N, C-alpha and C. Protein backbone atom coordinates (compact mmCIF):
# COMPACT_ATOMS: atom_id res chain seq x y z
N UNK A 1 97.96 -85.49 -125.36
CA UNK A 1 97.19 -86.55 -125.70
C UNK A 1 97.82 -88.16 -125.65
N UNK A 2 98.99 -88.14 -126.17
CA UNK A 2 99.76 -89.30 -126.19
C UNK A 2 100.10 -90.04 -125.09
N UNK A 3 100.50 -89.27 -124.19
CA UNK A 3 101.06 -89.65 -122.66
C UNK A 3 99.97 -89.95 -121.78
N UNK A 4 98.91 -89.29 -122.32
CA UNK A 4 97.44 -89.59 -121.04
C UNK A 4 96.97 -90.84 -121.33
N UNK A 5 97.28 -91.15 -122.62
CA UNK A 5 96.75 -92.74 -123.00
C UNK A 5 97.55 -94.26 -122.64
N UNK A 6 99.44 -93.61 -122.72
CA UNK A 6 100.37 -94.30 -122.42
C UNK A 6 100.06 -94.66 -120.61
N UNK A 7 100.05 -93.36 -119.95
CA UNK A 7 99.68 -93.99 -118.55
C UNK A 7 98.28 -94.63 -118.47
N UNK A 8 97.75 -94.42 -119.27
CA UNK A 8 95.93 -95.05 -119.40
C UNK A 8 96.08 -96.26 -119.40
N UNK A 9 97.17 -96.93 -120.46
CA UNK A 9 97.87 -98.36 -120.88
C UNK A 9 98.08 -98.57 -119.83
N UNK A 10 99.61 -98.34 -119.20
CA UNK A 10 100.49 -98.82 -118.37
C UNK A 10 99.28 -99.00 -116.86
N UNK A 11 98.94 -98.39 -116.44
CA UNK A 11 97.89 -98.46 -115.49
C UNK A 11 96.79 -99.85 -115.42
N UNK A 12 96.62 -99.48 -116.37
CA UNK A 12 95.57 -100.79 -116.60
C UNK A 12 96.43 -102.30 -116.64
N UNK A 13 97.63 -102.12 -117.65
CA UNK A 13 98.75 -104.04 -117.35
C UNK A 13 98.68 -103.69 -115.81
N UNK A 14 98.98 -102.47 -114.86
CA UNK A 14 99.45 -103.08 -113.48
C UNK A 14 98.53 -103.58 -112.32
N UNK A 15 97.39 -102.77 -113.15
CA UNK A 15 96.20 -103.26 -112.28
C UNK A 15 95.06 -104.88 -112.42
N UNK A 16 96.37 -104.75 -113.76
CA UNK A 16 95.73 -106.53 -114.23
C UNK A 16 96.03 -107.68 -113.42
N UNK A 17 97.87 -107.14 -113.18
CA UNK A 17 98.77 -107.85 -112.67
C UNK A 17 98.41 -107.97 -111.04
N UNK A 18 97.95 -106.88 -110.56
CA UNK A 18 97.70 -107.28 -109.47
C UNK A 18 96.61 -108.38 -108.98
N UNK A 19 95.84 -108.16 -109.48
CA UNK A 19 95.14 -109.49 -109.41
C UNK A 19 95.36 -111.05 -109.62
N UNK A 20 96.70 -111.42 -109.64
CA UNK A 20 97.47 -112.29 -110.45
C UNK A 20 98.20 -112.86 -108.84
N UNK A 21 97.88 -114.02 -108.09
CA UNK A 21 98.58 -114.68 -107.46
C UNK A 21 99.02 -115.97 -108.05
N UNK A 22 100.67 -116.54 -107.10
CA UNK A 22 101.28 -116.98 -107.98
C UNK A 22 101.72 -118.25 -106.84
N UNK A 23 101.85 -119.78 -106.98
CA UNK A 23 102.14 -120.36 -105.71
C UNK A 23 102.93 -121.77 -106.62
N UNK A 24 103.99 -122.45 -105.92
CA UNK A 24 104.80 -123.67 -106.35
C UNK A 24 104.31 -124.27 -105.53
N UNK A 25 103.83 -125.53 -105.82
CA UNK A 25 103.90 -127.02 -105.13
C UNK A 25 105.18 -127.70 -105.17
N UNK A 26 105.66 -128.05 -104.21
CA UNK A 26 107.31 -128.65 -103.75
C UNK A 26 106.62 -130.02 -103.85
N UNK A 27 106.15 -131.13 -104.41
CA UNK A 27 104.99 -132.38 -104.48
C UNK A 27 106.13 -133.79 -104.13
N UNK A 28 106.32 -134.16 -103.11
CA UNK A 28 107.19 -135.22 -102.59
C UNK A 28 106.44 -136.68 -102.68
N UNK A 29 105.17 -135.95 -101.91
CA UNK A 29 104.81 -137.57 -101.91
C UNK A 29 104.30 -138.66 -102.22
N UNK A 30 104.21 -139.43 -101.94
CA UNK A 30 103.36 -140.73 -102.76
C UNK A 30 102.15 -141.10 -101.75
N UNK A 31 102.25 -140.62 -100.94
CA UNK A 31 100.43 -140.94 -100.52
C UNK A 31 99.70 -140.93 -101.21
N UNK A 32 98.70 -141.91 -101.55
CA UNK A 32 97.36 -141.39 -102.51
C UNK A 32 96.49 -140.38 -101.56
N UNK A 33 96.34 -140.31 -100.41
CA UNK A 33 95.27 -139.51 -100.02
C UNK A 33 95.59 -138.33 -100.25
N UNK A 34 97.29 -138.11 -99.51
CA UNK A 34 97.35 -136.90 -99.34
C UNK A 34 97.28 -135.60 -100.81
N UNK A 35 98.24 -136.77 -101.91
CA UNK A 35 97.79 -136.11 -103.26
C UNK A 35 96.94 -136.15 -103.76
N UNK A 36 95.91 -136.51 -102.98
CA UNK A 36 94.20 -136.29 -103.21
C UNK A 36 93.69 -135.12 -102.88
N UNK A 37 94.31 -134.93 -101.62
CA UNK A 37 93.56 -133.70 -100.60
C UNK A 37 94.70 -132.38 -101.27
N UNK A 38 95.95 -132.62 -101.16
CA UNK A 38 96.64 -131.39 -101.50
C UNK A 38 96.28 -130.73 -102.46
N UNK A 39 96.10 -131.48 -104.27
CA UNK A 39 96.82 -131.12 -104.95
C UNK A 39 95.69 -131.00 -106.02
N UNK A 40 94.62 -132.37 -105.89
CA UNK A 40 93.98 -132.56 -106.97
C UNK A 40 92.25 -131.77 -106.33
N UNK A 41 92.28 -131.46 -104.93
CA UNK A 41 91.58 -130.85 -104.22
C UNK A 41 91.95 -129.39 -103.95
N UNK A 42 92.72 -129.60 -103.33
CA UNK A 42 93.26 -128.37 -102.77
C UNK A 42 93.14 -127.44 -103.58
N UNK A 43 93.49 -127.93 -105.09
CA UNK A 43 94.25 -126.48 -106.00
C UNK A 43 92.68 -126.22 -106.53
N UNK A 44 92.22 -126.82 -106.62
CA UNK A 44 90.66 -126.75 -106.87
C UNK A 44 90.15 -125.79 -106.15
N UNK A 45 90.04 -125.86 -104.81
CA UNK A 45 89.66 -124.75 -103.88
C UNK A 45 90.19 -123.55 -103.77
N UNK A 46 91.39 -123.72 -103.95
CA UNK A 46 92.66 -122.18 -104.08
C UNK A 46 92.10 -121.63 -105.31
N UNK A 47 91.92 -122.24 -106.70
CA UNK A 47 91.81 -121.47 -107.35
C UNK A 47 90.48 -120.89 -107.29
N UNK A 48 89.05 -121.23 -106.70
CA UNK A 48 87.71 -120.93 -106.71
C UNK A 48 87.68 -119.67 -105.80
N UNK A 49 88.67 -120.03 -105.08
CA UNK A 49 89.13 -118.79 -104.20
C UNK A 49 89.03 -117.42 -103.98
N UNK A 50 90.25 -117.62 -105.14
CA UNK A 50 90.78 -116.37 -105.75
C UNK A 50 89.86 -116.02 -106.98
N UNK A 51 89.50 -117.45 -108.01
CA UNK A 51 87.85 -116.51 -108.72
C UNK A 51 86.74 -115.49 -108.25
N UNK A 52 86.67 -116.32 -107.24
CA UNK A 52 85.38 -115.32 -105.81
C UNK A 52 85.98 -114.36 -105.76
N UNK A 53 87.44 -113.60 -105.80
CA UNK A 53 87.63 -112.54 -105.41
C UNK A 53 87.97 -111.85 -106.67
N UNK A 54 87.69 -112.19 -107.81
CA UNK A 54 87.97 -111.71 -109.21
C UNK A 54 90.05 -111.48 -109.69
N UNK A 55 90.24 -112.87 -108.39
CA UNK A 55 91.67 -112.80 -108.58
C UNK A 55 92.16 -113.56 -109.42
N UNK A 56 93.82 -114.00 -110.39
CA UNK A 56 93.73 -115.42 -110.52
C UNK A 56 94.97 -115.95 -109.99
N UNK A 57 94.27 -117.54 -110.00
CA UNK A 57 96.09 -117.89 -109.20
C UNK A 57 96.43 -119.11 -110.38
N UNK A 58 97.78 -118.78 -110.52
CA UNK A 58 98.37 -119.60 -111.14
C UNK A 58 99.14 -120.55 -110.85
N UNK A 59 99.06 -121.60 -111.01
CA UNK A 59 100.10 -122.87 -110.07
C UNK A 59 101.13 -123.64 -110.57
N UNK A 60 101.66 -124.20 -110.38
CA UNK A 60 103.17 -124.92 -110.90
C UNK A 60 103.22 -126.02 -109.96
N UNK A 61 103.36 -126.75 -110.22
CA UNK A 61 103.62 -127.61 -108.97
C UNK A 61 104.48 -128.60 -109.78
N UNK A 62 106.02 -128.84 -108.71
CA UNK A 62 107.51 -129.45 -108.77
C UNK A 62 107.51 -131.00 -108.65
N UNK A 63 107.36 -132.28 -109.32
CA UNK A 63 106.86 -133.91 -108.46
C UNK A 63 108.58 -134.22 -109.03
N UNK A 64 108.91 -134.51 -107.32
CA UNK A 64 110.03 -135.57 -107.41
C UNK A 64 109.63 -136.42 -106.32
N UNK A 65 110.89 -136.76 -105.43
CA UNK A 65 110.89 -137.72 -104.34
C UNK A 65 109.60 -139.08 -104.49
N UNK A 66 108.65 -139.39 -103.82
CA UNK A 66 107.84 -140.30 -104.22
C UNK A 66 106.48 -140.27 -105.03
N UNK A 67 106.39 -138.93 -105.66
CA UNK A 67 105.14 -138.67 -106.46
C UNK A 67 105.30 -138.46 -108.04
N UNK A 68 106.34 -139.12 -108.32
CA UNK A 68 106.53 -139.41 -110.07
C UNK A 68 105.28 -140.55 -110.38
N UNK A 69 105.04 -141.29 -109.61
CA UNK A 69 104.15 -142.35 -109.73
C UNK A 69 102.66 -141.75 -110.10
N UNK A 70 102.28 -140.84 -109.65
CA UNK A 70 100.91 -140.27 -109.73
C UNK A 70 101.13 -139.78 -111.46
N UNK A 71 102.14 -139.71 -112.54
CA UNK A 71 102.21 -139.23 -113.71
C UNK A 71 102.97 -139.95 -114.15
N UNK A 72 102.83 -141.29 -114.06
CA UNK A 72 103.34 -142.03 -114.91
C UNK A 72 101.81 -142.93 -115.94
N UNK A 73 102.15 -142.88 -117.39
CA UNK A 73 100.77 -144.12 -117.80
C UNK A 73 100.84 -145.15 -117.19
N UNK A 74 102.22 -145.93 -117.47
CA UNK A 74 102.07 -147.08 -118.01
C UNK A 74 102.59 -147.78 -115.88
N UNK A 75 101.64 -148.42 -115.89
CA UNK A 75 102.64 -148.36 -114.60
C UNK A 75 103.54 -149.90 -114.28
N UNK A 76 102.73 -150.95 -115.78
CA UNK A 76 103.73 -152.21 -115.63
C UNK A 76 104.88 -152.01 -116.14
N UNK A 77 105.65 -151.13 -116.97
CA UNK A 77 106.38 -150.51 -116.97
C UNK A 77 107.05 -149.33 -116.44
N UNK A 78 106.76 -149.06 -115.21
CA UNK A 78 107.64 -148.27 -114.84
C UNK A 78 108.41 -149.11 -112.97
N UNK A 79 108.91 -148.10 -112.49
CA UNK A 79 109.18 -148.94 -110.92
C UNK A 79 107.57 -149.27 -109.82
N UNK A 80 106.58 -148.87 -110.20
CA UNK A 80 105.51 -148.53 -109.60
C UNK A 80 104.35 -150.20 -109.81
N UNK A 81 105.39 -150.78 -110.40
CA UNK A 81 104.34 -151.56 -111.34
C UNK A 81 103.79 -152.51 -109.99
N UNK A 82 103.83 -152.25 -108.84
CA UNK A 82 103.35 -153.48 -107.76
C UNK A 82 102.92 -152.96 -106.66
N UNK A 83 102.69 -151.55 -106.98
CA UNK A 83 101.23 -150.53 -106.17
C UNK A 83 100.16 -151.26 -106.32
N UNK A 84 99.61 -151.88 -105.45
CA UNK A 84 98.32 -152.18 -105.92
C UNK A 84 97.41 -150.95 -105.66
N UNK A 85 97.55 -149.98 -104.66
CA UNK A 85 96.34 -149.57 -104.27
C UNK A 85 96.80 -148.12 -105.54
N UNK A 86 97.64 -147.84 -106.26
CA UNK A 86 97.73 -146.90 -107.48
C UNK A 86 97.02 -147.31 -108.62
N UNK A 87 96.97 -148.80 -108.49
CA UNK A 87 96.71 -149.64 -110.15
C UNK A 87 95.09 -149.36 -109.99
N UNK A 88 94.43 -149.62 -108.93
CA UNK A 88 92.76 -149.21 -108.61
C UNK A 88 92.70 -148.00 -109.07
N UNK A 89 93.43 -146.98 -108.97
CA UNK A 89 93.17 -145.69 -108.58
C UNK A 89 93.57 -144.61 -109.99
N UNK A 90 94.47 -145.58 -110.21
CA UNK A 90 95.29 -145.07 -111.65
C UNK A 90 94.16 -144.64 -112.90
N UNK A 91 93.38 -145.27 -113.27
CA UNK A 91 92.74 -144.61 -114.52
C UNK A 91 92.00 -143.35 -114.02
N UNK A 92 91.66 -143.15 -112.66
CA UNK A 92 90.44 -142.09 -112.45
C UNK A 92 91.92 -141.35 -112.01
N UNK A 93 92.76 -141.24 -111.32
CA UNK A 93 93.73 -140.78 -111.23
C UNK A 93 94.07 -139.46 -112.48
N UNK A 94 94.86 -140.39 -113.43
CA UNK A 94 95.24 -140.07 -115.05
C UNK A 94 94.00 -138.68 -115.27
N UNK A 95 92.50 -139.09 -114.68
CA UNK A 95 91.93 -138.35 -115.51
C UNK A 95 91.88 -136.64 -115.15
N UNK A 96 91.66 -136.96 -113.72
CA UNK A 96 91.63 -136.06 -112.94
C UNK A 96 92.92 -134.89 -112.89
N UNK A 97 94.48 -135.73 -112.90
CA UNK A 97 95.67 -134.85 -113.11
C UNK A 97 95.09 -133.84 -114.62
N UNK A 98 95.00 -134.63 -115.79
CA UNK A 98 94.76 -133.99 -117.04
C UNK A 98 93.25 -133.24 -117.11
N UNK A 99 92.67 -132.95 -116.09
CA UNK A 99 91.26 -132.11 -115.59
C UNK A 99 92.41 -130.74 -115.61
N UNK A 100 93.33 -131.25 -114.14
CA UNK A 100 94.08 -130.12 -113.57
C UNK A 100 94.79 -129.01 -114.54
N UNK A 101 95.33 -130.25 -115.34
CA UNK A 101 96.24 -129.60 -116.09
C UNK A 101 95.53 -128.05 -117.32
N UNK A 102 94.56 -129.45 -118.12
CA UNK A 102 93.87 -128.30 -119.15
C UNK A 102 93.07 -127.22 -118.54
N UNK A 103 91.82 -127.77 -117.50
CA UNK A 103 90.97 -126.48 -117.07
C UNK A 103 91.83 -126.11 -116.33
N UNK A 104 92.54 -126.13 -115.07
CA UNK A 104 92.69 -125.09 -114.11
C UNK A 104 93.85 -124.74 -114.29
N UNK A 105 94.59 -125.20 -115.76
CA UNK A 105 95.80 -124.43 -116.16
C UNK A 105 96.92 -125.20 -115.07
N UNK A 106 97.03 -125.73 -114.18
CA UNK A 106 98.28 -125.82 -113.43
C UNK A 106 99.42 -126.52 -114.17
N UNK A 107 100.32 -126.05 -113.86
CA UNK A 107 101.52 -126.38 -114.75
C UNK A 107 102.49 -127.33 -114.05
N UNK A 108 103.11 -128.32 -114.56
CA UNK A 108 103.61 -129.31 -113.85
C UNK A 108 105.12 -129.58 -114.41
N UNK A 109 106.31 -129.49 -113.22
CA UNK A 109 107.11 -129.75 -113.86
C UNK A 109 107.73 -131.25 -112.95
N UNK A 110 108.77 -131.58 -113.74
CA UNK A 110 109.37 -133.18 -112.94
C UNK A 110 111.03 -133.18 -113.24
N UNK A 111 111.29 -133.64 -112.50
CA UNK A 111 112.64 -133.81 -111.99
C UNK A 111 113.18 -134.68 -112.96
N UNK A 112 114.00 -134.46 -113.67
CA UNK A 112 114.43 -135.33 -115.16
C UNK A 112 115.90 -136.04 -114.17
N UNK A 113 116.26 -135.58 -113.22
CA UNK A 113 117.76 -136.46 -112.90
C UNK A 113 117.19 -137.69 -111.88
N UNK A 114 116.31 -137.41 -111.23
CA UNK A 114 115.75 -138.86 -110.56
C UNK A 114 114.77 -139.66 -111.51
N UNK A 115 114.12 -139.31 -112.25
CA UNK A 115 113.71 -139.93 -113.64
C UNK A 115 114.87 -140.79 -113.81
N UNK A 116 115.81 -140.62 -114.93
CA UNK A 116 116.95 -141.26 -115.30
C UNK A 116 117.20 -142.51 -114.21
N UNK A 117 117.06 -142.29 -112.70
CA UNK A 117 118.04 -142.92 -111.41
C UNK A 117 116.43 -143.80 -111.54
N UNK A 118 115.60 -143.50 -111.95
CA UNK A 118 114.18 -144.77 -111.47
C UNK A 118 113.99 -145.86 -112.79
N UNK A 119 115.17 -144.80 -113.88
CA UNK A 119 114.63 -145.58 -115.00
C UNK A 119 113.17 -145.95 -115.56
N UNK A 120 112.22 -144.19 -115.59
CA UNK A 120 111.04 -144.05 -116.34
C UNK A 120 111.47 -142.86 -116.98
N UNK A 121 111.37 -143.93 -118.73
CA UNK A 121 111.35 -142.86 -119.73
C UNK A 121 110.29 -141.55 -119.74
N UNK A 122 110.48 -140.70 -120.50
CA UNK A 122 109.53 -139.66 -120.70
C UNK A 122 108.33 -140.30 -121.49
N UNK A 123 108.37 -141.08 -122.27
CA UNK A 123 107.53 -141.08 -123.44
C UNK A 123 106.51 -142.12 -122.54
N UNK A 124 106.82 -142.06 -121.39
CA UNK A 124 105.86 -142.97 -120.35
C UNK A 124 105.25 -141.84 -118.95
N UNK A 125 105.44 -140.57 -119.31
CA UNK A 125 104.61 -139.55 -118.48
C UNK A 125 103.86 -138.97 -119.42
N UNK A 126 102.89 -138.39 -118.73
CA UNK A 126 101.99 -136.87 -119.67
C UNK A 126 102.21 -136.54 -119.92
N UNK A 127 101.44 -135.77 -121.39
CA UNK A 127 102.49 -135.39 -122.66
C UNK A 127 102.11 -133.82 -121.80
N UNK A 128 101.61 -133.45 -120.86
CA UNK A 128 101.73 -132.27 -120.21
C UNK A 128 102.15 -132.13 -119.17
N UNK A 129 103.03 -133.33 -118.78
CA UNK A 129 104.83 -132.64 -117.50
C UNK A 129 105.55 -132.43 -118.36
N UNK A 130 105.85 -131.33 -117.92
CA UNK A 130 107.25 -130.89 -118.61
C UNK A 130 108.24 -131.29 -117.56
N UNK A 131 109.53 -130.81 -117.89
CA UNK A 131 110.60 -131.57 -117.45
C UNK A 131 111.53 -130.57 -116.93
N UNK A 132 112.55 -130.46 -115.83
CA UNK A 132 113.19 -129.56 -115.46
C UNK A 132 114.44 -130.29 -115.01
N UNK A 133 115.36 -129.95 -115.36
CA UNK A 133 116.98 -130.36 -115.08
C UNK A 133 116.60 -131.45 -113.66
N UNK A 134 116.40 -130.58 -112.66
CA UNK A 134 116.31 -131.19 -111.11
C UNK A 134 115.31 -130.19 -110.38
N UNK A 135 114.69 -130.88 -109.61
CA UNK A 135 113.76 -130.46 -108.95
C UNK A 135 114.46 -129.32 -108.30
N UNK A 136 115.51 -129.20 -108.01
CA UNK A 136 115.47 -127.48 -107.13
C UNK A 136 115.97 -126.76 -108.29
N UNK A 137 115.88 -126.55 -109.13
CA UNK A 137 115.93 -125.76 -110.00
C UNK A 137 114.59 -125.44 -110.75
N UNK A 138 114.10 -125.92 -110.69
CA UNK A 138 112.49 -125.39 -111.23
C UNK A 138 112.19 -125.15 -109.96
N UNK A 139 111.91 -125.40 -108.51
CA UNK A 139 111.86 -124.41 -107.28
C UNK A 139 112.54 -123.20 -107.46
N UNK A 140 113.73 -122.76 -108.03
CA UNK A 140 114.35 -121.76 -107.70
C UNK A 140 113.77 -120.98 -108.95
N UNK A 141 113.82 -121.59 -110.18
CA UNK A 141 113.16 -120.60 -110.77
C UNK A 141 112.06 -119.98 -110.85
N UNK A 142 111.04 -120.78 -110.31
CA UNK A 142 109.34 -120.47 -109.40
C UNK A 142 109.76 -119.39 -108.59
N UNK A 143 110.52 -119.26 -107.64
CA UNK A 143 110.20 -118.69 -106.74
C UNK A 143 110.93 -117.45 -107.05
N UNK A 144 112.01 -117.65 -108.32
CA UNK A 144 112.53 -116.32 -108.78
C UNK A 144 111.45 -115.73 -109.83
N UNK A 145 110.11 -116.12 -109.93
CA UNK A 145 109.44 -115.84 -110.51
C UNK A 145 108.39 -115.06 -109.84
N UNK A 146 108.27 -115.17 -108.40
CA UNK A 146 107.48 -114.48 -107.80
C UNK A 146 106.75 -115.55 -107.61
N UNK A 147 106.63 -116.75 -107.69
CA UNK A 147 105.70 -118.08 -106.56
C UNK A 147 106.00 -118.06 -105.54
N UNK A 148 104.98 -117.90 -104.61
CA UNK A 148 104.98 -118.52 -102.84
C UNK A 148 105.46 -120.38 -102.80
N UNK A 149 105.76 -119.86 -101.84
CA UNK A 149 106.33 -121.98 -101.75
C UNK A 149 105.43 -122.66 -101.03
N UNK A 150 105.44 -123.84 -101.35
CA UNK A 150 104.29 -124.70 -100.46
C UNK A 150 104.76 -126.14 -100.91
N UNK A 151 105.20 -126.79 -99.40
CA UNK A 151 105.75 -127.96 -99.53
C UNK A 151 104.78 -129.37 -99.35
N UNK A 152 104.20 -130.22 -100.08
CA UNK A 152 103.67 -131.23 -99.86
C UNK A 152 104.78 -132.62 -99.98
N UNK A 153 104.90 -133.24 -98.42
CA UNK A 153 105.68 -134.24 -98.15
C UNK A 153 104.92 -135.25 -98.43
């Protein structure tokens, strides 16, 4: 009897894992339109697609390149202080990105190495953003955890 319960429990775990898809986005773009389309709209679309199939989509986003600017709290104290287009969209973007982290459970990982080069202090980055030593390590770790890779340039 115990064997059957163990087999049944293991089967349930294996079946549950089959319904989970994983993707890591390699986010490098600083283009606002691309960011909105591929991250803010795209991830919601993909999450809803898999939810409609009774599957789960786990999403991680590794931030580097020109994408840092979307995750800075105070633009005035950053390398992006003169980006007028970003300044106009900043308040709305910050709310939408927070929704991605909270409601859609998107994991955001930021390359710490270039943060230092750009003089972006951790205190000026949203609290839900985790740091990774560099983008390559973040991508290697996620891909070794079986996340599919998609580049957003």
